[in-house]
Amino acid sequence: MNKERIYKLLFSSVYPLYIKKVESKGRTVEELDTVIFWLTGYNAKSMQKQIDKKADFETFFNEAPKINPNASKITGVICGYRVEEIEDPIIQKMRYLDKLVDELAKGRKMEKILRE
């Protein structure tokens, strides 16, 4: 993985792609936001600030209020990598988010996605 390139991806440019992905599978933006808020501790207002300032993923995760302690329960393969084995903490959090969005798009129940 090219760490510098991945770190500099803008959350504001990927978020609309997440929306498109989940909506095309019959899920809602509200459900997507719930998943993002669960993982990062952001709320609607604080996440919008990150979008408005065009924060890259490194900044987005470094400034996250609190990464959910149950995030380590997110396991599986995303983009060819086993998320629980990714050593770089920022890339691991990005892949956690990708995995959660995938699960949402695949119709998994919210209780399961949020590791309740």
PDB file of N, CA and C in Angstrom:
ATOM      1  N   MET A   1       0.846  -1.191   0.000  1.00  0.00           N
ATOM      2  CA  MET A   1       0.000   0.000   0.000  1.00  0.00           C
ATOM      3  C   MET A   1       0.886   1.249   0.000  1.00  0.00           C
ATOM      4  N   ASN A   2       0.529   2.216  -0.796  1.00  0.00           N
ATOM      5  CA  ASN A   2       1.242   3.486  -0.817  1.00  0.00           C
ATOM      6  C   ASN A   2       0.673   4.364   0.281  1.00  0.00           C
ATOM      7  N   LYS A   3       1.349   4.383   1.438  1.00  0.00           N
ATOM      8  CA  LYS A   3       0.842   5.049   2.632  1.00  0.00           C
ATOM      9  C   LYS A   3       0.580   6.544   2.404  1.00  0.00           C
ATOM     10  N   GLU A   4       1.513   7.238   1.786  1.00  0.00           N
ATOM     11  CA  GLU A   4       1.351   8.681   1.597  1.00  0.00           C
ATOM     12  C   GLU A   4       0.117   8.999   0.750  1.00  0.00           C
ATOM     13  N   ARG A   5      -0.078   8.204  -0.302  1.00  0.00           N
ATOM     14  CA  ARG A   5      -1.224   8.436  -1.189  1.00  0.00           C
ATOM     15  C   ARG A   5      -2.533   8.166  -0.459  1.00  0.00           C
ATOM     16  N   ILE A   6      -2.566   7.080   0.298  1.00  0.00           N
ATOM     17  CA  ILE A   6      -3.774   6.715   1.028  1.00  0.00           C
ATOM     18  C   ILE A   6      -4.087   7.749   2.105  1.00  0.00           C
ATOM     19  N   TYR A   7      -3.065   8.188   2.837  1.00  0.00           N
ATOM     20  CA  TYR A   7      -3.260   9.174   3.900  1.00  0.00           C
ATOM     21  C   TYR A   7      -3.871  10.472   3.362  1.00  0.00           C
ATOM     22  N   LYS A   8      -3.509  10.822   2.147  1.00  0.00           N
ATOM     23  CA  LYS A   8      -3.929  12.118   1.596  1.00  0.00           C
ATOM     24  C   LYS A   8      -5.274  12.080   0.883  1.00  0.00           C
ATOM     25  N   LEU A   9      -5.908  10.907   0.806  1.00  0.00           N
ATOM     26  CA  LEU A   9      -7.266  10.850   0.269  1.00  0.00           C
ATOM     27  C   LEU A   9      -8.162  11.744   1.118  1.00  0.00           C
ATOM     28  N   LEU A  10      -8.990  12.520   0.481  1.00  0.00           N
ATOM     29  CA  LEU A  10      -9.884  13.413   1.218  1.00  0.00           C
ATOM     30  C   LEU A  10     -11.145  12.670   1.628  1.00  0.00           C
ATOM     31  N   PHE A  11     -11.475  12.776   2.907  1.00  0.00           N
ATOM     32  CA  PHE A  11     -12.716  12.170   3.373  1.00  0.00           C
ATOM     33  C   PHE A  11     -13.894  12.744   2.596  1.00  0.00           C
ATOM     34  N   SER A  12     -13.844  14.051   2.323  1.00  0.00           N
ATOM     35  CA  SER A  12     -14.951  14.717   1.617  1.00  0.00           C
ATOM     36  C   SER A  12     -15.136  14.185   0.195  1.00  0.00           C
ATOM     37  N   SER A  13     -14.097  13.605  -0.399  1.00  0.00           N
ATOM     38  CA  SER A  13     -14.249  13.045  -1.747  1.00  0.00           C
ATOM     39  C   SER A  13     -14.722  11.592  -1.707  1.00  0.00           C
ATOM     40  N   VAL A  14     -14.464  10.888  -0.618  1.00  0.00           N
ATOM     41  CA  VAL A  14     -14.863   9.487  -0.504  1.00  0.00           C
ATOM     42  C   VAL A  14     -16.274   9.350   0.080  1.00  0.00           C
ATOM     43  N   TYR A  15     -16.661  10.261   0.952  1.00  0.00           N
ATOM     44  CA  TYR A  15     -17.977  10.200   1.596  1.00  0.00           C
ATOM     45  C   TYR A  15     -19.120  10.095   0.577  1.00  0.00           C
ATOM     46  N   PRO A  16     -19.132  10.920  -0.497  1.00  0.00           N
ATOM     47  CA  PRO A  16     -20.209  10.767  -1.499  1.00  0.00           C
ATOM     48  C   PRO A  16     -20.209   9.388  -2.168  1.00  0.00           C
ATOM     49  N   LEU A  17     -19.050   8.778  -2.288  1.00  0.00           N
ATOM     50  CA  LEU A  17     -18.972   7.425  -2.861  1.00  0.00           C
ATOM     51  C   LEU A  17     -19.581   6.406  -1.899  1.00  0.00           C
ATOM     52  N   TYR A  18     -19.349   6.596  -0.602  1.00  0.00           N
ATOM     53  CA  TYR A  18     -19.996   5.749   0.396  1.00  0.00           C
ATOM     54  C   TYR A  18     -21.519   5.894   0.303  1.00  0.00           C
ATOM     55  N   ILE A  19     -21.977   7.131   0.185  1.00  0.00           N
ATOM     56  CA  ILE A  19     -23.422   7.384   0.077  1.00  0.00           C
ATOM     57  C   ILE A  19     -23.989   6.658  -1.136  1.00  0.00           C
ATOM     58  N   LYS A  20     -23.336   6.833  -2.269  1.00  0.00           N
ATOM     59  CA  LYS A  20     -23.801   6.190  -3.509  1.00  0.00           C
ATOM     60  C   LYS A  20     -23.867   4.676  -3.346  1.00  0.00           C
ATOM     61  N   LYS A  21     -22.840   4.112  -2.728  1.00  0.00           N
ATOM     62  CA  LYS A  21     -22.777   2.661  -2.552  1.00  0.00           C
ATOM     63  C   LYS A  21     -23.924   2.153  -1.692  1.00  0.00           C
ATOM     64  N   VAL A  22     -24.166   2.788  -0.538  1.00  0.00           N
ATOM     65  CA  VAL A  22     -25.205   2.273   0.359  1.00  0.00           C
ATOM     66  C   VAL A  22     -26.601   2.558  -0.187  1.00  0.00           C
ATOM     67  N   GLU A  23     -26.803   3.729  -0.800  1.00  0.00           N
ATOM     68  CA  GLU A  23     -28.121   4.037  -1.348  1.00  0.00           C
ATOM     69  C   GLU A  23     -28.475   3.121  -2.514  1.00  0.00           C
ATOM     70  N   SER A  24     -27.476   2.731  -3.307  1.00  0.00           N
ATOM     71  CA  SER A  24     -27.753   1.832  -4.436  1.00  0.00           C
ATOM     72  C   SER A  24     -28.185   0.450  -3.952  1.00  0.00           C
ATOM     73  N   LYS A  25     -27.899   0.149  -2.689  1.00  0.00           N
ATOM     74  CA  LYS A  25     -28.290  -1.136  -2.104  1.00  0.00           C
ATOM     75  C   LYS A  25     -29.483  -0.997  -1.156  1.00  0.00           C
ATOM     76  N   GLY A  26     -30.157   0.169  -1.219  1.00  0.00           N
ATOM     77  CA  GLY A  26     -31.377   0.352  -0.433  1.00  0.00           C
ATOM     78  C   GLY A  26     -31.166   0.799   1.005  1.00  0.00           C
ATOM     79  N   ARG A  27     -29.962   1.206   1.352  1.00  0.00           N
ATOM     80  CA  ARG A  27     -29.710   1.712   2.699  1.00  0.00           C
ATOM     81  C   ARG A  27     -29.730   3.233   2.657  1.00  0.00           C
ATOM     82  N   THR A  28     -29.715   3.878   3.819  1.00  0.00           N
ATOM     83  CA  THR A  28     -29.874   5.329   3.887  1.00  0.00           C
ATOM     84  C   THR A  28     -28.594   6.035   4.330  1.00  0.00           C
ATOM     85  N   VAL A  29     -28.549   7.336   4.053  1.00  0.00           N
ATOM     86  CA  VAL A  29     -27.441   8.172   4.520  1.00  0.00           C
ATOM     87  C   VAL A  29     -27.419   8.173   6.050  1.00  0.00           C
ATOM     88  N   GLU A  30     -28.580   8.155   6.667  1.00  0.00           N
ATOM     89  CA  GLU A  30     -28.653   8.138   8.128  1.00  0.00           C
ATOM     90  C   GLU A  30     -27.984   6.881   8.689  1.00  0.00           C
ATOM     91  N   GLU A  31     -28.204   5.745   8.040  1.00  0.00           N
ATOM     92  CA  GLU A  31     -27.560   4.512   8.486  1.00  0.00           C
ATOM     93  C   GLU A  31     -26.042   4.594   8.286  1.00  0.00           C
ATOM     94  N   LEU A  32     -25.625   5.152   7.155  1.00  0.00           N
ATOM     95  CA  LEU A  32     -24.201   5.342   6.902  1.00  0.00           C
ATOM     96  C   LEU A  32     -23.594   6.218   7.986  1.00  0.00           C
ATOM     97  N   ASP A  33     -24.244   7.339   8.264  1.00  0.00           N
ATOM     98  CA  ASP A  33     -23.729   8.246   9.292  1.00  0.00           C
ATOM     99  C   ASP A  33     -23.666   7.573  10.656  1.00  0.00           C
ATOM    100  N   THR A  34     -24.655   6.756  10.973  1.00  0.00           N
ATOM    101  CA  THR A  34     -24.654   6.026  12.242  1.00  0.00           C
ATOM    102  C   THR A  34     -23.408   5.155  12.354  1.00  0.00           C
ATOM    103  N   VAL A  35     -23.068   4.488  11.272  1.00  0.00           N
ATOM    104  CA  VAL A  35     -21.885   3.622  11.253  1.00  0.00           C
ATOM    105  C   VAL A  35     -20.616   4.463  11.437  1.00  0.00           C
ATOM    106  N   ILE A  36     -20.518   5.574  10.727  1.00  0.00           N
ATOM    107  CA  ILE A  36     -19.338   6.448  10.832  1.00  0.00           C
ATOM    108  C   ILE A  36     -19.236   7.021  12.250  1.00  0.00           C
ATOM    109  N   PHE A  37     -20.355   7.484  12.790  1.00  0.00           N
ATOM    110  CA  PHE A  37     -20.352   8.053  14.146  1.00  0.00           C
ATOM    111  C   PHE A  37     -19.951   6.996  15.167  1.00  0.00           C
ATOM    112  N   TRP A  38     -20.447   5.764  14.977  1.00  0.00           N
ATOM    113  CA  TRP A  38     -20.112   4.676  15.906  1.00  0.00           C
ATOM    114  C   TRP A  38     -18.600   4.437  15.923  1.00  0.00           C
ATOM    115  N   LEU A  39     -17.991   4.392  14.741  1.00  0.00           N
ATOM    116  CA  LEU A  39     -16.559   4.104  14.654  1.00  0.00           C
ATOM    117  C   LEU A  39     -15.708   5.252  15.180  1.00  0.00           C
ATOM    118  N   THR A  40     -16.078   6.485  14.853  1.00  0.00           N
ATOM    119  CA  THR A  40     -15.183   7.626  15.079  1.00  0.00           C
ATOM    120  C   THR A  40     -15.533   8.521  16.261  1.00  0.00           C
ATOM    121  N   GLY A  41     -16.764   8.474  16.708  1.00  0.00           N
ATOM    122  CA  GLY A  41     -17.178   9.396  17.764  1.00  0.00           C
ATOM    123  C   GLY A  41     -17.628  10.756  17.250  1.00  0.00           C
ATOM    124  N   TYR A  42     -17.550  10.969  15.940  1.00  0.00           N
ATOM    125  CA  TYR A  42     -18.050  12.228  15.386  1.00  0.00           C
ATOM    126  C   TYR A  42     -19.568  12.267  15.530  1.00  0.00           C
ATOM    127  N   ASN A  43     -20.126  13.479  15.426  1.00  0.00           N
ATOM    128  CA  ASN A  43     -21.567  13.656  15.288  1.00  0.00           C
ATOM    129  C   ASN A  43     -21.777  14.409  13.975  1.00  0.00           C
ATOM    130  N   ALA A  44     -23.019  14.710  13.652  1.00  0.00           N
ATOM    131  CA  ALA A  44     -23.306  15.346  12.354  1.00  0.00           C
ATOM    132  C   ALA A  44     -22.534  16.655  12.184  1.00  0.00           C
ATOM    133  N   LYS A  45     -22.515  17.469  13.226  1.00  0.00           N
ATOM    134  CA  LYS A  45     -21.862  18.776  13.140  1.00  0.00           C
ATOM    135  C   LYS A  45     -20.340  18.640  13.008  1.00  0.00           C
ATOM    136  N   SER A  46     -19.740  17.811  13.833  1.00  0.00           N
ATOM    137  CA  SER A  46     -18.275  17.687  13.796  1.00  0.00           C
ATOM    138  C   SER A  46     -17.801  16.989  12.522  1.00  0.00           C
ATOM    139  N   MET A  47     -18.588  16.032  12.010  1.00  0.00           N
ATOM    140  CA  MET A  47     -18.200  15.398  10.754  1.00  0.00           C
ATOM    141  C   MET A  47     -18.318  16.392   9.597  1.00  0.00           C
ATOM    142  N   GLN A  48     -19.356  17.214   9.622  1.00  0.00           N
ATOM    143  CA  GLN A  48     -19.522  18.219   8.563  1.00  0.00           C
ATOM    144  C   GLN A  48     -18.345  19.193   8.559  1.00  0.00           C
ATOM    145  N   LYS A  49     -17.815  19.525   9.725  1.00  0.00           N
ATOM    146  CA  LYS A  49     -16.633  20.398   9.793  1.00  0.00           C
ATOM    147  C   LYS A  49     -15.447  19.748   9.083  1.00  0.00           C
ATOM    148  N   GLN A  50     -15.283  18.440   9.267  1.00  0.00           N
ATOM    149  CA  GLN A  50     -14.189  17.721   8.595  1.00  0.00           C
ATOM    150  C   GLN A  50     -14.397  17.751   7.080  1.00  0.00           C
ATOM    151  N   ILE A  51     -15.634  17.592   6.657  1.00  0.00           N
ATOM    152  CA  ILE A  51     -15.953  17.629   5.222  1.00  0.00           C
ATOM    153  C   ILE A  51     -15.693  19.027   4.676  1.00  0.00           C
ATOM    154  N   ASP A  52     -16.154  20.048   5.393  1.00  0.00           N
ATOM    155  CA  ASP A  52     -15.996  21.432   4.934  1.00  0.00           C
ATOM    156  C   ASP A  52     -14.537  21.852   4.819  1.00  0.00           C
ATOM    157  N   LYS A  53     -13.717  21.379   5.744  1.00  0.00           N
ATOM    158  CA  LYS A  53     -12.299  21.774   5.687  1.00  0.00           C
ATOM    159  C   LYS A  53     -11.475  20.843   4.799  1.00  0.00           C
ATOM    160  N   LYS A  54     -12.162  19.895   4.144  1.00  0.00           N
ATOM    161  CA  LYS A  54     -11.526  18.959   3.218  1.00  0.00           C
ATOM    162  C   LYS A  54     -10.381  18.196   3.897  1.00  0.00           C
ATOM    163  N   ALA A  55     -10.705  17.639   5.059  1.00  0.00           N
ATOM    164  CA  ALA A  55      -9.717  16.866   5.812  1.00  0.00           C
ATOM    165  C   ALA A  55      -9.372  15.582   5.072  1.00  0.00           C
ATOM    166  N   ASP A  56      -8.085  15.260   5.064  1.00  0.00           N
ATOM    167  CA  ASP A  56      -7.683  13.966   4.513  1.00  0.00           C
ATOM    168  C   ASP A  56      -7.975  12.898   5.572  1.00  0.00           C
ATOM    169  N   PHE A  57      -7.841  11.631   5.187  1.00  0.00           N
ATOM    170  CA  PHE A  57      -8.172  10.555   6.119  1.00  0.00           C
ATOM    171  C   PHE A  57      -7.266  10.556   7.345  1.00  0.00           C
ATOM    172  N   GLU A  58      -6.007  10.918   7.171  1.00  0.00           N
ATOM    173  CA  GLU A  58      -5.102  10.966   8.320  1.00  0.00           C
ATOM    174  C   GLU A  58      -5.627  11.962   9.353  1.00  0.00           C
ATOM    175  N   THR A  59      -5.979  13.158   8.906  1.00  0.00           N
ATOM    176  CA  THR A  59      -6.526  14.181   9.803  1.00  0.00           C
ATOM    177  C   THR A  59      -7.873  13.744  10.358  1.00  0.00           C
ATOM    178  N   PHE A  60      -8.718  13.189   9.496  1.00  0.00           N
ATOM    179  CA  PHE A  60     -10.054  12.745   9.906  1.00  0.00           C
ATOM    180  C   PHE A  60      -9.961  11.774  11.085  1.00  0.00           C
ATOM    181  N   PHE A  61      -9.088  10.790  10.987  1.00  0.00           N
ATOM    182  CA  PHE A  61      -8.977   9.820  12.076  1.00  0.00           C
ATOM    183  C   PHE A  61      -8.172  10.350  13.253  1.00  0.00           C
ATOM    184  N   ASN A  62      -7.150  11.156  13.007  1.00  0.00           N
ATOM    185  CA  ASN A  62      -6.378  11.721  14.122  1.00  0.00           C
ATOM    186  C   ASN A  62      -7.207  12.675  14.963  1.00  0.00           C
ATOM    187  N   GLU A  63      -8.167  13.355  14.345  1.00  0.00           N
ATOM    188  CA  GLU A  63      -9.013  14.300  15.070  1.00  0.00           C
ATOM    189  C   GLU A  63     -10.340  13.683  15.516  1.00  0.00           C
ATOM    190  N   ALA A  64     -10.532  12.407  15.247  1.00  0.00           N
ATOM    191  CA  ALA A  64     -11.771  11.734  15.662  1.00  0.00           C
ATOM    192  C   ALA A  64     -11.888  11.814  17.186  1.00  0.00           C
ATOM    193  N   PRO A  65     -13.081  12.168  17.677  1.00  0.00           N
ATOM    194  CA  PRO A  65     -13.262  12.291  19.130  1.00  0.00           C
ATOM    195  C   PRO A  65     -12.880  11.026  19.898  1.00  0.00           C
ATOM    196  N   LYS A  66     -13.285   9.865  19.387  1.00  0.00           N
ATOM    197  CA  LYS A  66     -12.959   8.622  20.089  1.00  0.00           C
ATOM    198  C   LYS A  66     -13.246   7.445  19.165  1.00  0.00           C
ATOM    199  N   ILE A  67     -12.202   6.691  18.868  1.00  0.00           N
ATOM    200  CA  ILE A  67     -12.411   5.464  18.086  1.00  0.00           C
ATOM    201  C   ILE A  67     -13.089   4.456  19.011  1.00  0.00           C
ATOM    202  N   ASN A  68     -14.155   3.851  18.520  1.00  0.00           N
ATOM    203  CA  ASN A  68     -14.938   2.921  19.332  1.00  0.00           C
ATOM    204  C   ASN A  68     -14.051   1.762  19.811  1.00  0.00           C
ATOM    205  N   PRO A  69     -14.101   1.458  21.114  1.00  0.00           N
ATOM    206  CA  PRO A  69     -13.275   0.362  21.621  1.00  0.00           C
ATOM    207  C   PRO A  69     -13.631  -0.998  21.015  1.00  0.00           C
ATOM    208  N   ASN A  70     -14.832  -1.137  20.463  1.00  0.00           N
ATOM    209  CA  ASN A  70     -15.233  -2.384  19.820  1.00  0.00           C
ATOM    210  C   ASN A  70     -14.776  -2.470  18.365  1.00  0.00           C
ATOM    211  N   ALA A  71     -14.060  -1.460  17.892  1.00  0.00           N
ATOM    212  CA  ALA A  71     -13.575  -1.483  16.504  1.00  0.00           C
ATOM    213  C   ALA A  71     -12.674  -2.690  16.262  1.00  0.00           C
ATOM    214  N   SER A  72     -11.987  -3.128  17.288  1.00  0.00           N
ATOM    215  CA  SER A  72     -11.098  -4.287  17.125  1.00  0.00           C
ATOM    216  C   SER A  72     -11.875  -5.574  16.836  1.00  0.00           C
ATOM    217  N   LYS A  73     -13.194  -5.544  17.031  1.00  0.00           N
ATOM    218  CA  LYS A  73     -14.031  -6.703  16.707  1.00  0.00           C
ATOM    219  C   LYS A  73     -14.351  -6.785  15.215  1.00  0.00           C
ATOM    220  N   ILE A  74     -13.967  -5.751  14.468  1.00  0.00           N
ATOM    221  CA  ILE A  74     -14.181  -5.749  13.020  1.00  0.00           C
ATOM    222  C   ILE A  74     -13.096  -6.628  12.407  1.00  0.00           C
ATOM    223  N   THR A  75     -13.520  -7.697  11.769  1.00  0.00           N
ATOM    224  CA  THR A  75     -12.567  -8.624  11.163  1.00  0.00           C
ATOM    225  C   THR A  75     -12.995  -8.954   9.742  1.00  0.00           C
ATOM    226  N   GLY A  76     -12.098  -9.546   9.013  1.00  0.00           N
ATOM    227  CA  GLY A  76     -12.417  -9.966   7.659  1.00  0.00           C
ATOM    228  C   GLY A  76     -11.498  -9.323   6.646  1.00  0.00           C
ATOM    229  N   VAL A  77     -11.796  -9.581   5.389  1.00  0.00           N
ATOM    230  CA  VAL A  77     -10.958  -9.101   4.298  1.00  0.00           C
ATOM    231  C   VAL A  77     -11.664  -7.959   3.583  1.00  0.00           C
ATOM    232  N   ILE A  78     -10.897  -6.900   3.333  1.00  0.00           N
ATOM    233  CA  ILE A  78     -11.396  -5.776   2.539  1.00  0.00           C
ATOM    234  C   ILE A  78     -10.241  -5.324   1.641  1.00  0.00           C
ATOM    235  N   CYS A  79     -10.527  -5.158   0.373  1.00  0.00           N
ATOM    236  CA  CYS A  79      -9.514  -4.751  -0.614  1.00  0.00           C
ATOM    237  C   CYS A  79      -8.303  -5.686  -0.593  1.00  0.00           C
ATOM    238  N   GLY A  80      -8.547  -6.964  -0.318  1.00  0.00           N
ATOM    239  CA  GLY A  80      -7.474  -7.937  -0.341  1.00  0.00           C
ATOM    240  C   GLY A  80      -6.625  -8.014   0.917  1.00  0.00           C
ATOM    241  N   TYR A  81      -6.980  -7.238   1.934  1.00  0.00           N
ATOM    242  CA  TYR A  81      -6.213  -7.227   3.179  1.00  0.00           C
ATOM    243  C   TYR A  81      -7.106  -7.646   4.335  1.00  0.00           C
ATOM    244  N   ARG A  82      -6.572  -8.440   5.239  1.00  0.00           N
ATOM    245  CA  ARG A  82      -7.281  -8.832   6.453  1.00  0.00           C
ATOM    246  C   ARG A  82      -7.160  -7.659   7.417  1.00  0.00           C
ATOM    247  N   VAL A  83      -8.291  -7.011   7.761  1.00  0.00           N
ATOM    248  CA  VAL A  83      -8.262  -5.758   8.525  1.00  0.00           C
ATOM    249  C   VAL A  83      -7.603  -5.899   9.885  1.00  0.00           C
ATOM    250  N   GLU A  84      -7.772  -7.045  10.521  1.00  0.00           N
ATOM    251  CA  GLU A  84      -7.197  -7.208  11.855  1.00  0.00           C
ATOM    252  C   GLU A  84      -5.676  -7.363  11.829  1.00  0.00           C
ATOM    253  N   GLU A  85      -5.092  -7.578  10.639  1.00  0.00           N
ATOM    254  CA  GLU A  85      -3.645  -7.745  10.524  1.00  0.00           C
ATOM    255  C   GLU A  85      -2.927  -6.509   9.986  1.00  0.00           C
ATOM    256  N   ILE A  86      -3.654  -5.458   9.650  1.00  0.00           N
ATOM    257  CA  ILE A  86      -3.036  -4.234   9.130  1.00  0.00           C
ATOM    258  C   ILE A  86      -2.307  -3.538  10.281  1.00  0.00           C
ATOM    259  N   GLU A  87      -1.028  -3.268  10.086  1.00  0.00           N
ATOM    260  CA  GLU A  87      -0.205  -2.711  11.156  1.00  0.00           C
ATOM    261  C   GLU A  87      -0.320  -1.200  11.283  1.00  0.00           C
ATOM    262  N   ASP A  88      -0.465  -0.499  10.163  1.00  0.00           N
ATOM    263  CA  ASP A  88      -0.552   0.965  10.215  1.00  0.00           C
ATOM    264  C   ASP A  88      -1.898   1.367  10.810  1.00  0.00           C
ATOM    265  N   PRO A  89      -1.911   2.123  11.917  1.00  0.00           N
ATOM    266  CA  PRO A  89      -3.177   2.429  12.587  1.00  0.00           C
ATOM    267  C   PRO A  89      -4.161   3.258  11.759  1.00  0.00           C
ATOM    268  N   ILE A  90      -3.681   4.193  10.968  1.00  0.00           N
ATOM    269  CA  ILE A  90      -4.584   5.019  10.152  1.00  0.00           C
ATOM    270  C   ILE A  90      -5.190   4.171   9.034  1.00  0.00           C
ATOM    271  N   ILE A  91      -4.363   3.402   8.353  1.00  0.00           N
ATOM    272  CA  ILE A  91      -4.872   2.556   7.277  1.00  0.00           C
ATOM    273  C   ILE A  91      -5.823   1.510   7.840  1.00  0.00           C
ATOM    274  N   GLN A  92      -5.539   0.983   9.017  1.00  0.00           N
ATOM    275  CA  GLN A  92      -6.440   0.013   9.631  1.00  0.00           C
ATOM    276  C   GLN A  92      -7.802   0.649   9.905  1.00  0.00           C
ATOM    277  N   LYS A  93      -7.820   1.874  10.412  1.00  0.00           N
ATOM    278  CA  LYS A  93      -9.092   2.551  10.676  1.00  0.00           C
ATOM    279  C   LYS A  93      -9.846   2.825   9.379  1.00  0.00           C
ATOM    280  N   MET A  94      -9.105   3.179   8.321  1.00  0.00           N
ATOM    281  CA  MET A  94      -9.748   3.392   7.021  1.00  0.00           C
ATOM    282  C   MET A  94     -10.391   2.099   6.541  1.00  0.00           C
ATOM    283  N   ARG A  95      -9.694   0.984   6.694  1.00  0.00           N
ATOM    284  CA  ARG A  95     -10.229  -0.303   6.266  1.00  0.00           C
ATOM    285  C   ARG A  95     -11.371  -0.758   7.169  1.00  0.00           C
ATOM    286  N   TYR A  96     -11.316  -0.411   8.463  1.00  0.00           N
ATOM    287  CA  TYR A  96     -12.461  -0.676   9.338  1.00  0.00           C
ATOM    288  C   TYR A  96     -13.698   0.007   8.761  1.00  0.00           C
ATOM    289  N   LEU A  97     -13.533   1.289   8.390  1.00  0.00           N
ATOM    290  CA  LEU A  97     -14.654   2.044   7.843  1.00  0.00           C
ATOM    291  C   LEU A  97     -15.130   1.417   6.537  1.00  0.00           C
ATOM    292  N   ASP A  98     -14.208   1.048   5.666  1.00  0.00           N
ATOM    293  CA  ASP A  98     -14.585   0.382   4.410  1.00  0.00           C
ATOM    294  C   ASP A  98     -15.375  -0.891   4.684  1.00  0.00           C
ATOM    295  N   LYS A  99     -14.928  -1.668   5.660  1.00  0.00           N
ATOM    296  CA  LYS A  99     -15.588  -2.931   6.000  1.00  0.00           C
ATOM    297  C   LYS A  99     -17.003  -2.666   6.516  1.00  0.00           C
ATOM    298  N   LEU A 100     -17.160  -1.660   7.371  1.00  0.00           N
ATOM    299  CA  LEU A 100     -18.490  -1.326   7.900  1.00  0.00           C
ATOM    300  C   LEU A 100     -19.427  -0.882   6.780  1.00  0.00           C
ATOM    301  N   VAL A 101     -18.922  -0.064   5.858  1.00  0.00           N
ATOM    302  CA  VAL A 101     -19.734   0.399   4.728  1.00  0.00           C
ATOM    303  C   VAL A 101     -20.128  -0.789   3.852  1.00  0.00           C
ATOM    304  N   ASP A 102     -19.208  -1.711   3.633  1.00  0.00           N
ATOM    305  CA  ASP A 102     -19.518  -2.923   2.861  1.00  0.00           C
ATOM    306  C   ASP A 102     -20.621  -3.735   3.529  1.00  0.00           C
ATOM    307  N   GLU A 103     -20.493  -3.928   4.834  1.00  0.00           N
ATOM    308  CA  GLU A 103     -21.499  -4.695   5.563  1.00  0.00           C
ATOM    309  C   GLU A 103     -22.869  -4.026   5.472  1.00  0.00           C
ATOM    310  N   LEU A 104     -22.889  -2.704   5.578  1.00  0.00           N
ATOM    311  CA  LEU A 104     -24.140  -1.951   5.459  1.00  0.00           C
ATOM    312  C   LEU A 104     -24.734  -2.156   4.070  1.00  0.00           C
ATOM    313  N   ALA A 105     -23.910  -2.019   3.038  1.00  0.00           N
ATOM    314  CA  ALA A 105     -24.381  -2.170   1.657  1.00  0.00           C
ATOM    315  C   ALA A 105     -24.862  -3.592   1.369  1.00  0.00           C
ATOM    316  N   LYS A 106     -24.292  -4.559   2.054  1.00  0.00           N
ATOM    317  CA  LYS A 106     -24.688  -5.952   1.831  1.00  0.00           C
ATOM    318  C   LYS A 106     -25.938  -6.342   2.609  1.00  0.00           C
ATOM    319  N   GLY A 107     -26.509  -5.384   3.343  1.00  0.00           N
ATOM    320  CA  GLY A 107     -27.772  -5.644   4.016  1.00  0.00           C
ATOM    321  C   GLY A 107     -27.659  -6.255   5.399  1.00  0.00           C
ATOM    322  N   ARG A 108     -26.481  -6.243   5.967  1.00  0.00           N
ATOM    323  CA  ARG A 108     -26.304  -6.791   7.310  1.00  0.00           C
ATOM    324  C   ARG A 108     -27.097  -5.955   8.316  1.00  0.00           C
ATOM    325  N   LYS A 109     -27.606  -6.591   9.340  1.00  0.00           N
ATOM    326  CA  LYS A 109     -28.380  -5.884  10.361  1.00  0.00           C
ATOM    327  C   LYS A 109     -27.484  -4.917  11.125  1.00  0.00           C
ATOM    328  N   MET A 110     -28.050  -3.769  11.476  1.00  0.00           N
ATOM    329  CA  MET A 110     -27.288  -2.721  12.144  1.00  0.00           C
ATOM    330  C   MET A 110     -26.675  -3.203  13.461  1.00  0.00           C
ATOM    331  N   GLU A 111     -27.393  -4.044  14.207  1.00  0.00           N
ATOM    332  CA  GLU A 111     -26.858  -4.540  15.484  1.00  0.00           C
ATOM    333  C   GLU A 111     -25.563  -5.312  15.250  1.00  0.00           C
ATOM    334  N   LYS A 112     -25.511  -6.064  14.163  1.00  0.00           N
ATOM    335  CA  LYS A 112     -24.316  -6.853  13.841  1.00  0.00           C
ATOM    336  C   LYS A 112     -23.182  -5.927  13.372  1.00  0.00           C
ATOM    337  N   ILE A 113     -23.527  -4.940  12.544  1.00  0.00           N
ATOM    338  CA  ILE A 113     -22.526  -4.003  12.038  1.00  0.00           C
ATOM    339  C   ILE A 113     -21.856  -3.265  13.197  1.00  0.00           C
ATOM    340  N   LEU A 114     -22.674  -2.855  14.168  1.00  0.00           N
ATOM    341  CA  LEU A 114     -22.172  -2.069  15.300  1.00  0.00           C
ATOM    342  C   LEU A 114     -21.616  -2.943  16.420  1.00  0.00           C
ATOM    343  N   ARG A 115     -21.480  -4.232  16.151  1.00  0.00           N
ATOM    344  CA  ARG A 115     -20.876  -5.167  17.100  1.00  0.00           C
ATOM    345  C   ARG A 115     -21.510  -5.097  18.472  1.00  0.00           C
ATOM    346  N   GLU A 116     -22.861  -5.098  18.486  1.00  0.00           N
ATOM    347  CA  GLU A 116     -23.587  -5.037  19.756  1.00  0.00           C
ATOM    348  C   GLU A 116     -23.827  -6.421  20.314  1.00  0.00           C
TER     349      GLU A 116
END
